[in-house]
PDB file of N, CA and C in Angstrom:
ATOM      1  N   MET A   1       0.263   9.232  15.663  1.00  0.00           N
ATOM      2  CA  MET A   1      -1.039   9.012  15.429  1.00  0.00           C
ATOM      3  C   MET A   1      -1.386   7.522  15.457  1.00  0.00           C
ATOM      4  N   GLU A   2      -2.726   6.635  15.540  1.00  0.00           N
ATOM      5  CA  GLU A   2      -3.100   5.443  15.312  1.00  0.00           C
ATOM      6  C   GLU A   2      -3.449   5.567  14.019  1.00  0.00           C
ATOM      7  N   LEU A   3      -3.840   4.262  13.715  1.00  0.00           N
ATOM      8  CA  LEU A   3      -4.201   3.831  11.760  1.00  0.00           C
ATOM      9  C   LEU A   3      -5.541   4.628  11.812  1.00  0.00           C
ATOM     10  N   ASN A   4      -6.909   3.889  13.065  1.00  0.00           N
ATOM     11  CA  ASN A   4      -7.906   4.419  12.716  1.00  0.00           C
ATOM     12  C   ASN A   4      -7.733   5.975  12.539  1.00  0.00           C
ATOM     13  N   GLU A   5      -6.654   7.038  13.934  1.00  0.00           N
ATOM     14  CA  GLU A   5      -6.814   8.085  12.797  1.00  0.00           C
ATOM     15  C   GLU A   5      -6.573   9.065  11.688  1.00  0.00           C
ATOM     16  N   ILE A   6      -5.715   8.190  11.493  1.00  0.00           N
ATOM     17  CA  ILE A   6      -4.936   7.988  10.066  1.00  0.00           C
ATOM     18  C   ILE A   6      -6.007   7.377   9.240  1.00  0.00           C
ATOM     19  N   ILE A   7      -6.464   6.826   9.281  1.00  0.00           N
ATOM     20  CA  ILE A   7      -7.950   6.473   8.298  1.00  0.00           C
ATOM     21  C   ILE A   7      -8.936   7.558   8.417  1.00  0.00           C
ATOM     22  N   ASP A   8      -9.073   7.712   9.714  1.00  0.00           N
ATOM     23  CA  ASP A   8     -10.341   8.435   9.593  1.00  0.00           C
ATOM     24  C   ASP A   8     -10.112  10.033   8.690  1.00  0.00           C
ATOM     25  N   GLU A   9      -8.762  10.450   9.222  1.00  0.00           N
ATOM     26  CA  GLU A   9      -8.312  12.079   8.543  1.00  0.00           C
ATOM     27  C   GLU A   9      -8.447  12.136   6.713  1.00  0.00           C
ATOM     28  N   PHE A  10      -7.717  10.717   6.151  1.00  0.00           N
ATOM     29  CA  PHE A  10      -7.549  10.089   4.621  1.00  0.00           C
ATOM     30  C   PHE A  10      -9.100  10.388   4.692  1.00  0.00           C
ATOM     31  N   ARG A  11     -10.424   9.934   5.053  1.00  0.00           N
ATOM     32  CA  ARG A  11     -11.934   9.808   4.885  1.00  0.00           C
ATOM     33  C   ARG A  11     -11.805  11.064   4.752  1.00  0.00           C
ATOM     34  N   LYS A  12     -11.653  11.929   5.529  1.00  0.00           N
ATOM     35  CA  LYS A  12     -12.458  13.416   5.674  1.00  0.00           C
ATOM     36  C   LYS A  12     -11.808  14.487   4.123  1.00  0.00           C
ATOM     37  N   PHE A  13     -10.623  13.501   3.611  1.00  0.00           N
ATOM     38  CA  PHE A  13      -9.325  14.315   2.909  1.00  0.00           C
ATOM     39  C   PHE A  13     -10.861  13.479   1.473  1.00  0.00           C
ATOM     40  N   LEU A  14     -11.381  12.660   1.061  1.00  0.00           N
ATOM     41  CA  LEU A  14     -12.020  11.884   0.663  1.00  0.00           C
ATOM     42  C   LEU A  14     -13.205  12.603   0.063  1.00  0.00           C
ATOM     43  N   ASP A  15     -13.659  12.709   1.555  1.00  0.00           N
ATOM     44  CA  ASP A  15     -15.695  13.312   0.857  1.00  0.00           C
ATOM     45  C   ASP A  15     -15.417  14.520   1.476  1.00  0.00           C
ATOM     46  N   GLU A  16     -14.019  15.667   1.426  1.00  0.00           N
ATOM     47  CA  GLU A  16     -14.136  17.056   1.118  1.00  0.00           C
ATOM     48  C   GLU A  16     -13.798  16.847  -0.627  1.00  0.00           C
ATOM     49  N   ARG A  17     -13.955  16.282  -0.918  1.00  0.00           N
ATOM     50  CA  ARG A  17     -13.319  16.285  -2.533  1.00  0.00           C
ATOM     51  C   ARG A  17     -14.401  15.423  -3.631  1.00  0.00           C
ATOM     52  N   GLY A  18     -14.776  14.812  -2.787  1.00  0.00           N
ATOM     53  CA  GLY A  18     -16.067  13.509  -3.718  1.00  0.00           C
ATOM     54  C   GLY A  18     -15.261  12.581  -3.989  1.00  0.00           C
ATOM     55  N   TRP A  19     -14.549  12.633  -3.099  1.00  0.00           N
ATOM     56  CA  TRP A  19     -14.058  10.640  -4.115  1.00  0.00           C
ATOM     57  C   TRP A  19     -14.270   9.758  -3.397  1.00  0.00           C
ATOM     58  N   GLN A  20     -15.929  10.370  -2.906  1.00  0.00           N
ATOM     59  CA  GLN A  20     -15.971   8.600  -1.989  1.00  0.00           C
ATOM     60  C   GLN A  20     -16.812   7.721  -3.276  1.00  0.00           C
ATOM     61  N   SER A  21     -17.237   8.155  -4.153  1.00  0.00           N
ATOM     62  CA  SER A  21     -17.949   8.477  -5.756  1.00  0.00           C
ATOM     63  C   SER A  21     -17.437   6.893  -6.696  1.00  0.00           C
ATOM     64  N   PHE A  22     -15.632   6.843  -5.901  1.00  0.00           N
ATOM     65  CA  PHE A  22     -14.725   6.042  -7.145  1.00  0.00           C
ATOM     66  C   PHE A  22     -15.347   4.975  -7.101  1.00  0.00           C
ATOM     67  N   SER A  23     -15.052   4.138  -7.308  1.00  0.00           N
ATOM     68  CA  SER A  23     -16.050   2.459  -7.930  1.00  0.00           C
ATOM     69  C   SER A  23     -14.287   1.804  -6.858  1.00  0.00           C
ATOM     70  N   PRO A  24     -14.411   0.239  -5.699  1.00  0.00           N
ATOM     71  CA  PRO A  24     -13.821   0.212  -5.507  1.00  0.00           C
ATOM     72  C   PRO A  24     -13.234  -0.978  -6.838  1.00  0.00           C
ATOM     73  N   ASN A  25     -13.348  -0.759  -7.563  1.00  0.00           N
ATOM     74  CA  ASN A  25     -12.704  -1.372  -8.838  1.00  0.00           C
ATOM     75  C   ASN A  25     -11.537  -0.308  -9.405  1.00  0.00           C
ATOM     76  N   ASP A  26     -12.224   0.558  -8.812  1.00  0.00           N
ATOM     77  CA  ASP A  26     -11.094   1.844 -10.344  1.00  0.00           C
ATOM     78  C   ASP A  26     -10.125   1.888  -9.319  1.00  0.00           C
ATOM     79  N   VAL A  27     -10.301   1.211  -7.892  1.00  0.00           N
ATOM     80  CA  VAL A  27      -9.218   2.329  -7.313  1.00  0.00           C
ATOM     81  C   VAL A  27      -8.320   1.012  -6.799  1.00  0.00           C
ATOM     82  N   PHE A  28      -8.845   0.179  -6.628  1.00  0.00           N
ATOM     83  CA  PHE A  28      -7.959  -0.825  -6.757  1.00  0.00           C
ATOM     84  C   PHE A  28      -6.986  -1.536  -8.054  1.00  0.00           C
ATOM     85  N   ILE A  29      -7.563  -1.494  -9.102  1.00  0.00           N
ATOM     86  CA  ILE A  29      -7.142  -0.862 -10.126  1.00  0.00           C
ATOM     87  C   ILE A  29      -5.791   0.499  -9.962  1.00  0.00           C
ATOM     88  N   HIS A  30      -6.322   1.235  -9.990  1.00  0.00           N
ATOM     89  CA  HIS A  30      -5.097   2.436  -9.432  1.00  0.00           C
ATOM     90  C   HIS A  30      -3.830   1.798  -8.597  1.00  0.00           C
ATOM     91  N   LEU A  31      -4.187   0.844  -7.909  1.00  0.00           N
ATOM     92  CA  LEU A  31      -3.536   0.714  -6.393  1.00  0.00           C
ATOM     93  C   LEU A  31      -2.610  -0.997  -7.267  1.00  0.00           C
ATOM     94  N   ILE A  32      -3.342  -0.851  -8.185  1.00  0.00           N
ATOM     95  CA  ILE A  32      -1.784  -2.024  -8.738  1.00  0.00           C
ATOM     96  C   ILE A  32      -0.688  -1.291  -9.419  1.00  0.00           C
ATOM     97  N   GLU A  33      -1.085  -0.277 -10.226  1.00  0.00           N
ATOM     98  CA  GLU A  33      -0.673   0.633 -10.853  1.00  0.00           C
ATOM     99  C   GLU A  33       0.528   1.633 -10.273  1.00  0.00           C
ATOM    100  N   GLU A  34      -0.265   1.544  -9.014  1.00  0.00           N
ATOM    101  CA  GLU A  34       0.966   2.748  -8.131  1.00  0.00           C
ATOM    102  C   GLU A  34       2.217   1.571  -7.545  1.00  0.00           C
ATOM    103  N   LEU A  35       1.485   0.143  -7.211  1.00  0.00           N
ATOM    104  CA  LEU A  35       2.149  -1.395  -6.511  1.00  0.00           C
ATOM    105  C   LEU A  35       3.560  -0.994  -7.707  1.00  0.00           C
ATOM    106  N   GLY A  36       3.115  -1.082  -9.333  1.00  0.00           N
ATOM    107  CA  GLY A  36       4.022  -1.789 -10.984  1.00  0.00           C
ATOM    108  C   GLY A  36       5.170  -0.428 -10.078  1.00  0.00           C
ATOM    109  N   GLU A  37       4.315   0.766  -9.453  1.00  0.00           N
ATOM    110  CA  GLU A  37       5.616   1.862  -9.802  1.00  0.00           C
ATOM    111  C   GLU A  37       6.709   1.283  -8.717  1.00  0.00           C
ATOM    112  N   ILE A  38       6.084   0.919  -7.781  1.00  0.00           N
ATOM    113  CA  ILE A  38       7.327   0.733  -6.542  1.00  0.00           C
ATOM    114  C   ILE A  38       8.044  -0.825  -7.041  1.00  0.00           C
ATOM    115  N   GLY A  39       7.342  -1.474  -7.855  1.00  0.00           N
ATOM    116  CA  GLY A  39       7.927  -2.549  -8.319  1.00  0.00           C
ATOM    117  C   GLY A  39       9.325  -2.330  -9.422  1.00  0.00           C
ATOM    118  N   LYS A  40       9.083  -0.589 -10.300  1.00  0.00           N
ATOM    119  CA  LYS A  40      10.489  -0.190 -11.022  1.00  0.00           C
ATOM    120  C   LYS A  40      11.620  -0.033  -9.810  1.00  0.00           C
ATOM    121  N   TYR A  41      11.137   0.494  -8.864  1.00  0.00           N
ATOM    122  CA  TYR A  41      11.624   1.016  -8.141  1.00  0.00           C
ATOM    123  C   TYR A  41      12.864  -0.449  -7.578  1.00  0.00           C
ATOM    124  N   LEU A  42      12.061  -1.280  -6.932  1.00  0.00           N
ATOM    125  CA  LEU A  42      12.662  -2.826  -6.554  1.00  0.00           C
ATOM    126  C   LEU A  42      13.227  -3.433  -7.880  1.00  0.00           C
ATOM    127  N   LEU A  43      12.912  -3.178  -8.854  1.00  0.00           N
ATOM    128  CA  LEU A  43      14.088  -3.516  -9.921  1.00  0.00           C
ATOM    129  C   LEU A  43      15.973  -3.643 -10.335  1.00  0.00           C
ATOM    130  N   PHE A  44      15.126  -2.445  -9.728  1.00  0.00           N
ATOM    131  CA  PHE A  44      16.892  -1.314  -9.705  1.00  0.00           C
ATOM    132  C   PHE A  44      17.263  -1.324  -8.912  1.00  0.00           C
ATOM    133  N   LEU A  45      16.726  -1.760  -7.832  1.00  0.00           N
ATOM    134  CA  LEU A  45      17.738  -2.135  -6.465  1.00  0.00           C
ATOM    135  C   LEU A  45      18.184  -3.396  -6.427  1.00  0.00           C
ATOM    136  N   SER A  46      18.086  -4.375  -7.231  1.00  0.00           N
ATOM    137  CA  SER A  46      17.668  -5.433  -7.043  1.00  0.00           C
ATOM    138  C   SER A  46      18.697  -6.111  -7.966  1.00  0.00           C
ATOM    139  N   LYS A  47      19.152  -5.027  -8.902  1.00  0.00           N
ATOM    140  CA  LYS A  47      19.760  -4.768 -10.151  1.00  0.00           C
ATOM    141  C   LYS A  47      19.209  -5.617 -11.141  1.00  0.00           C
ATOM    142  N   TYR A  48      18.213  -6.375 -10.755  1.00  0.00           N
ATOM    143  CA  TYR A  48      17.375  -7.159 -12.175  1.00  0.00           C
ATOM    144  C   TYR A  48      17.430  -6.393 -12.777  1.00  0.00           C
ATOM    145  N   LYS A  49      16.833  -4.865 -12.854  1.00  0.00           N
ATOM    146  CA  LYS A  49      17.214  -3.858 -14.036  1.00  0.00           C
ATOM    147  C   LYS A  49      18.033  -3.349 -14.406  1.00  0.00           C
ATOM    148  N   THR A  50      18.888  -2.525 -14.987  1.00  0.00           N
ATOM    149  CA  THR A  50      20.371  -1.755 -14.623  1.00  0.00           C
ATOM    150  C   THR A  50      20.297  -0.620 -16.116  1.00  0.00           C
ATOM    151  N   GLU A  51      20.809   0.875 -16.026  1.00  0.00           N
ATOM    152  CA  GLU A  51      20.554   1.791 -17.213  1.00  0.00           C
ATOM    153  C   GLU A  51      21.626   0.783 -17.692  1.00  0.00           C
ATOM    154  N   LYS A  52      22.493  -0.052 -17.886  1.00  0.00           N
ATOM    155  CA  LYS A  52      22.794  -0.546 -18.704  1.00  0.00           C
ATOM    156  C   LYS A  52      22.572  -1.102 -19.868  1.00  0.00           C
ATOM    157  N   GLN A  53      21.317  -1.735 -19.468  1.00  0.00           N
ATOM    158  CA  GLN A  53      20.213  -2.911 -19.947  1.00  0.00           C
ATOM    159  C   GLN A  53      19.777  -1.253 -21.203  1.00  0.00           C
ATOM    160  N   GLY A  54      18.969  -0.049 -21.000  1.00  0.00           N
ATOM    161  CA  GLY A  54      18.541   0.391 -21.757  1.00  0.00           C
ATOM    162  C   GLY A  54      16.933   1.198 -21.004  1.00  0.00           C
ATOM    163  N   HIS A  55      16.792   0.231 -19.086  1.00  0.00           N
ATOM    164  CA  HIS A  55      16.409   1.052 -18.541  1.00  0.00           C
ATOM    165  C   HIS A  55      16.595   2.386 -17.682  1.00  0.00           C
ATOM    166  N   GLU A  56      15.127   3.257 -18.468  1.00  0.00           N
ATOM    167  CA  GLU A  56      15.530   4.721 -17.380  1.00  0.00           C
ATOM    168  C   GLU A  56      15.061   3.896 -15.564  1.00  0.00           C
ATOM    169  N   LYS A  57      16.299   4.394 -15.234  1.00  0.00           N
ATOM    170  CA  LYS A  57      16.297   4.652 -13.899  1.00  0.00           C
ATOM    171  C   LYS A  57      15.418   5.464 -13.152  1.00  0.00           C
ATOM    172  N   PRO A  58      14.220   4.264 -12.315  1.00  0.00           N
ATOM    173  CA  PRO A  58      12.929   5.256 -11.748  1.00  0.00           C
ATOM    174  C   PRO A  58      14.271   6.322 -10.273  1.00  0.00           C
ATOM    175  N   PRO A  59      13.655   7.755  -9.689  1.00  0.00           N
ATOM    176  CA  PRO A  59      14.143   8.549  -8.920  1.00  0.00           C
ATOM    177  C   PRO A  59      14.044   7.887  -7.565  1.00  0.00           C
ATOM    178  N   ILE A  60      15.709   7.646  -6.442  1.00  0.00           N
ATOM    179  CA  ILE A  60      14.638   6.352  -5.365  1.00  0.00           C
ATOM    180  C   ILE A  60      14.018   8.057  -4.935  1.00  0.00           C
ATOM    181  N   ALA A  61      14.691   9.013  -4.796  1.00  0.00           N
ATOM    182  CA  ALA A  61      14.082  10.160  -3.708  1.00  0.00           C
ATOM    183  C   ALA A  61      12.528   9.707  -3.693  1.00  0.00           C
ATOM    184  N   ASN A  62      12.177   9.482  -4.522  1.00  0.00           N
ATOM    185  CA  ASN A  62      10.469   9.006  -4.803  1.00  0.00           C
ATOM    186  C   ASN A  62       9.813   8.114  -4.515  1.00  0.00           C
ATOM    187  N   LEU A  63      10.395   6.853  -4.262  1.00  0.00           N
ATOM    188  CA  LEU A  63      10.146   5.413  -3.761  1.00  0.00           C
ATOM    189  C   LEU A  63       8.630   5.590  -2.958  1.00  0.00           C
ATOM    190  N   SER A  64       9.330   6.048  -1.314  1.00  0.00           N
ATOM    191  CA  SER A  64       8.253   7.126  -0.469  1.00  0.00           C
ATOM    192  C   SER A  64       7.480   6.997  -0.719  1.00  0.00           C
ATOM    193  N   ARG A  65       7.577   8.378  -1.653  1.00  0.00           N
ATOM    194  CA  ARG A  65       6.735   9.163  -1.507  1.00  0.00           C
ATOM    195  C   ARG A  65       5.274   8.095  -2.482  1.00  0.00           C
ATOM    196  N   GLU A  66       6.141   6.757  -3.649  1.00  0.00           N
ATOM    197  CA  GLU A  66       4.954   6.184  -4.263  1.00  0.00           C
ATOM    198  C   GLU A  66       4.343   5.108  -3.369  1.00  0.00           C
ATOM    199  N   ILE A  67       4.879   4.712  -2.379  1.00  0.00           N
ATOM    200  CA  ILE A  67       4.803   3.542  -0.703  1.00  0.00           C
ATOM    201  C   ILE A  67       3.497   4.247  -0.280  1.00  0.00           C
ATOM    202  N   ALA A  68       3.809   5.713  -0.674  1.00  0.00           N
ATOM    203  CA  ALA A  68       2.782   6.371   0.378  1.00  0.00           C
ATOM    204  C   ALA A  68       1.278   6.866  -0.664  1.00  0.00           C
ATOM    205  N   GLN A  69       1.158   6.872  -1.606  1.00  0.00           N
ATOM    206  CA  GLN A  69       0.372   6.946  -2.674  1.00  0.00           C
ATOM    207  C   GLN A  69      -0.561   5.208  -2.127  1.00  0.00           C
ATOM    208  N   ALA A  70       0.770   4.377  -2.291  1.00  0.00           N
ATOM    209  CA  ALA A  70      -0.251   3.073  -2.845  1.00  0.00           C
ATOM    210  C   ALA A  70      -1.064   2.472  -1.310  1.00  0.00           C
ATOM    211  N   PHE A  71      -0.170   3.421  -0.305  1.00  0.00           N
ATOM    212  CA  PHE A  71      -1.011   3.754   0.789  1.00  0.00           C
ATOM    213  C   PHE A  71      -2.400   3.970   0.735  1.00  0.00           C
ATOM    214  N   SER A  72      -2.588   5.403   0.524  1.00  0.00           N
ATOM    215  CA  SER A  72      -3.938   5.934   0.885  1.00  0.00           C
ATOM    216  C   SER A  72      -4.596   5.153  -0.485  1.00  0.00           C
ATOM    217  N   LEU A  73      -3.988   4.312  -1.291  1.00  0.00           N
ATOM    218  CA  LEU A  73      -4.889   3.670  -2.363  1.00  0.00           C
ATOM    219  C   LEU A  73      -5.678   2.330  -1.259  1.00  0.00           C
ATOM    220  N   PHE A  74      -4.951   2.214  -0.336  1.00  0.00           N
ATOM    221  CA  PHE A  74      -5.458   0.658   0.151  1.00  0.00           C
ATOM    222  C   PHE A  74      -5.878   1.470   1.072  1.00  0.00           C
ATOM    223  N   MET A  75      -5.873   2.280   1.926  1.00  0.00           N
ATOM    224  CA  MET A  75      -6.906   2.771   2.987  1.00  0.00           C
ATOM    225  C   MET A  75      -7.713   3.689   1.997  1.00  0.00           C
ATOM    226  N   GLN A  76      -8.166   3.785   0.791  1.00  0.00           N
ATOM    227  CA  GLN A  76      -8.811   4.209   0.017  1.00  0.00           C
ATOM    228  C   GLN A  76     -10.536   3.227   0.058  1.00  0.00           C
ATOM    229  N   LEU A  77      -9.240   1.742  -0.479  1.00  0.00           N
ATOM    230  CA  LEU A  77     -10.086   0.456  -0.292  1.00  0.00           C
ATOM    231  C   LEU A  77     -10.792   0.224   0.730  1.00  0.00           C
ATOM    232  N   CYS A  78     -10.249   0.454   1.574  1.00  0.00           N
ATOM    233  CA  CYS A  78     -10.721  -0.592   2.529  1.00  0.00           C
ATOM    234  C   CYS A  78     -11.621   0.767   3.156  1.00  0.00           C
ATOM    235  N   ILE A  79     -11.699   1.920   3.506  1.00  0.00           N
ATOM    236  CA  ILE A  79     -12.826   2.835   3.387  1.00  0.00           C
ATOM    237  C   ILE A  79     -13.892   2.593   2.320  1.00  0.00           C
ATOM    238  N   LEU A  80     -14.099   2.737   0.890  1.00  0.00           N
ATOM    239  CA  LEU A  80     -15.410   2.154  -0.127  1.00  0.00           C
ATOM    240  C   LEU A  80     -15.558   0.863   0.353  1.00  0.00           C
ATOM    241  N   LEU A  81     -15.441   0.169   1.682  1.00  0.00           N
ATOM    242  CA  LEU A  81     -15.877  -1.442   0.932  1.00  0.00           C
ATOM    243  C   LEU A  81     -16.496  -1.641   2.241  1.00  0.00           C
ATOM    244  N   ASN A  82     -16.281  -1.008   3.656  1.00  0.00           N
ATOM    245  CA  ASN A  82     -16.029  -0.401   5.199  1.00  0.00           C
ATOM    246  C   ASN A  82     -15.494  -1.225   5.780  1.00  0.00           C
ATOM    247  N   ILE A  83     -14.250  -1.830   5.492  1.00  0.00           N
ATOM    248  CA  ILE A  83     -13.640  -2.961   6.168  1.00  0.00           C
ATOM    249  C   ILE A  83     -12.663  -1.623   7.099  1.00  0.00           C
ATOM    250  N   ASP A  84     -12.432  -2.064   8.082  1.00  0.00           N
ATOM    251  CA  ASP A  84     -11.831  -1.276   9.593  1.00  0.00           C
ATOM    252  C   ASP A  84     -10.544  -2.273   9.414  1.00  0.00           C
ATOM    253  N   LEU A  85      -9.865  -1.291   9.422  1.00  0.00           N
ATOM    254  CA  LEU A  85      -8.383  -2.033   8.598  1.00  0.00           C
ATOM    255  C   LEU A  85      -7.553  -2.431  10.279  1.00  0.00           C
ATOM    256  N   GLU A  86      -8.036  -1.392  10.842  1.00  0.00           N
ATOM    257  CA  GLU A  86      -6.864  -1.531  12.203  1.00  0.00           C
ATOM    258  C   GLU A  86      -7.586  -3.356  12.969  1.00  0.00           C
ATOM    259  N   ASN A  87      -8.514  -2.525  13.132  1.00  0.00           N
ATOM    260  CA  ASN A  87      -9.258  -3.579  13.430  1.00  0.00           C
ATOM    261  C   ASN A  87      -9.181  -5.560  13.349  1.00  0.00           C
ATOM    262  N   VAL A  88      -9.477  -5.917  11.513  1.00  0.00           N
ATOM    263  CA  VAL A  88      -8.975  -6.931  10.718  1.00  0.00           C
ATOM    264  C   VAL A  88      -7.289  -6.979  10.827  1.00  0.00           C
ATOM    265  N   TRP A  89      -6.491  -6.127  10.749  1.00  0.00           N
ATOM    266  CA  TRP A  89      -5.340  -6.171  10.983  1.00  0.00           C
ATOM    267  C   TRP A  89      -5.067  -6.584  12.855  1.00  0.00           C
ATOM    268  N   LEU A  90      -5.607  -6.006  13.734  1.00  0.00           N
ATOM    269  CA  LEU A  90      -4.902  -6.604  15.016  1.00  0.00           C
ATOM    270  C   LEU A  90      -5.740  -8.046  14.817  1.00  0.00           C
ATOM    271  N   GLU A  91      -6.503  -8.810  14.571  1.00  0.00           N
ATOM    272  CA  GLU A  91      -7.119 -10.261  14.016  1.00  0.00           C
ATOM    273  C   GLU A  91      -5.893 -10.764  13.247  1.00  0.00           C
ATOM    274  N   GLU A  92      -5.859 -10.281  11.803  1.00  0.00           N
ATOM    275  CA  GLU A  92      -5.046 -11.416  11.472  1.00  0.00           C
ATOM    276  C   GLU A  92      -3.291 -11.625  11.730  1.00  0.00           C
ATOM    277  N   ILE A  93      -3.302 -10.621  12.483  1.00  0.00           N
ATOM    278  CA  ILE A  93      -1.592 -10.419  13.453  1.00  0.00           C
ATOM    279  C   ILE A  93      -1.685 -11.686  14.589  1.00  0.00           C
ATOM    280  N   GLU A  94      -2.856 -11.949  15.152  1.00  0.00           N
ATOM    281  CA  GLU A  94      -3.230 -13.034  15.977  1.00  0.00           C
ATOM    282  C   GLU A  94      -3.126 -13.923  15.733  1.00  0.00           C
ATOM    283  N   ILE A  95      -3.675 -14.680  14.088  1.00  0.00           N
ATOM    284  CA  ILE A  95      -3.541 -15.539  13.707  1.00  0.00           C
ATOM    285  C   ILE A  95      -2.196 -15.746  12.720  1.00  0.00           C
ATOM    286  N   MET A  96      -1.897 -15.239  12.801  1.00  0.00           N
ATOM    287  CA  MET A  96      -0.582 -15.362  12.168  1.00  0.00           C
ATOM    288  C   MET A  96       0.742 -15.426  13.001  1.00  0.00           C
ATOM    289  N   LYS A  97       0.678 -14.823  14.448  1.00  0.00           N
ATOM    290  CA  LYS A  97       1.109 -15.092  15.807  1.00  0.00           C
ATOM    291  C   LYS A  97       1.102 -16.775  15.937  1.00  0.00           C
ATOM    292  N   ALA A  98       0.032 -16.879  15.613  1.00  0.00           N
ATOM    293  CA  ALA A  98      -0.178 -18.949  16.065  1.00  0.00           C
ATOM    294  C   ALA A  98       0.534 -19.791  14.453  1.00  0.00           C
ATOM    295  N   ARG A  99       0.221 -19.485  13.352  1.00  0.00           N
ATOM    296  CA  ARG A  99       0.670 -19.984  12.235  1.00  0.00           C
ATOM    297  C   ARG A  99       2.268 -19.797  12.295  1.00  0.00           C
ATOM    298  N   PHE A 100       3.052 -18.663  12.592  1.00  0.00           N
ATOM    299  CA  PHE A 100       4.101 -18.366  12.314  1.00  0.00           C
ATOM    300  C   PHE A 100       4.739 -18.729  14.325  1.00  0.00           C
ATOM    301  N   PRO A 101       5.114 -19.537  14.963  1.00  0.00           N
ATOM    302  CA  PRO A 101       5.717 -19.437  16.312  1.00  0.00           C
ATOM    303  C   PRO A 101       7.238 -18.919  15.988  1.00  0.00           C
ATOM    304  N   ILE A 102       7.404 -17.853  17.058  1.00  0.00           N
ATOM    305  CA  ILE A 102       8.743 -17.391  16.959  1.00  0.00           C
ATOM    306  C   ILE A 102       9.827 -18.284  16.681  1.00  0.00           C
ATOM    307  N   ASN A 103       9.912 -19.908  17.038  1.00  0.00           N
ATOM    308  CA  ASN A 103      10.937 -21.263  17.114  1.00  0.00           C
ATOM    309  C   ASN A 103      10.887 -21.475  15.158  1.00  0.00           C
ATOM    310  N   ASP A 104       9.915 -21.226  14.717  1.00  0.00           N
ATOM    311  CA  ASP A 104      10.153 -21.232  13.143  1.00  0.00           C
ATOM    312  C   ASP A 104      11.150 -19.975  12.340  1.00  0.00           C
ATOM    313  N   LYS A 105      11.765 -19.809  13.061  1.00  0.00           N
ATOM    314  CA  LYS A 105      12.279 -17.767  12.577  1.00  0.00           C
ATOM    315  C   LYS A 105      12.604 -18.864  10.550  1.00  0.00           C
ATOM    316  N   HIS A 106      12.365 -17.584   9.460  1.00  0.00           N
ATOM    317  CA  HIS A 106      12.851 -17.435   8.312  1.00  0.00           C
ATOM    318  C   HIS A 106      14.404 -17.577   8.430  1.00  0.00           C
ATOM    319  N   LYS A 107      14.981 -19.150   7.381  1.00  0.00           N
ATOM    320  CA  LYS A 107      16.485 -18.672   7.768  1.00  0.00           C
ATOM    321  C   LYS A 107      16.693 -18.612   6.354  1.00  0.00           C
TER     322      LYS A 107
END
């Protein structure tokens, strides 16, 4: 499935539930909340936080779902702001290719 097909499917999902009425501000704040959830997983994966320190370890099996939720909210934000995500990403990758040539690999 192409990115625009995924976005169209999600736009239909939003329309069917009346979720187009949410403000971009609220969707953005919800996105930040979900990114924080992903951050919890990453802190445990890097061992910055551990159960020995008294932190509750999130179930790693849920990480992919958290990422999907964040992606959905990101798409919703783009839909609400009338941003053609596929097109602007294609433009941005060309800019990035020019800025970061292959011979300048990160070491």
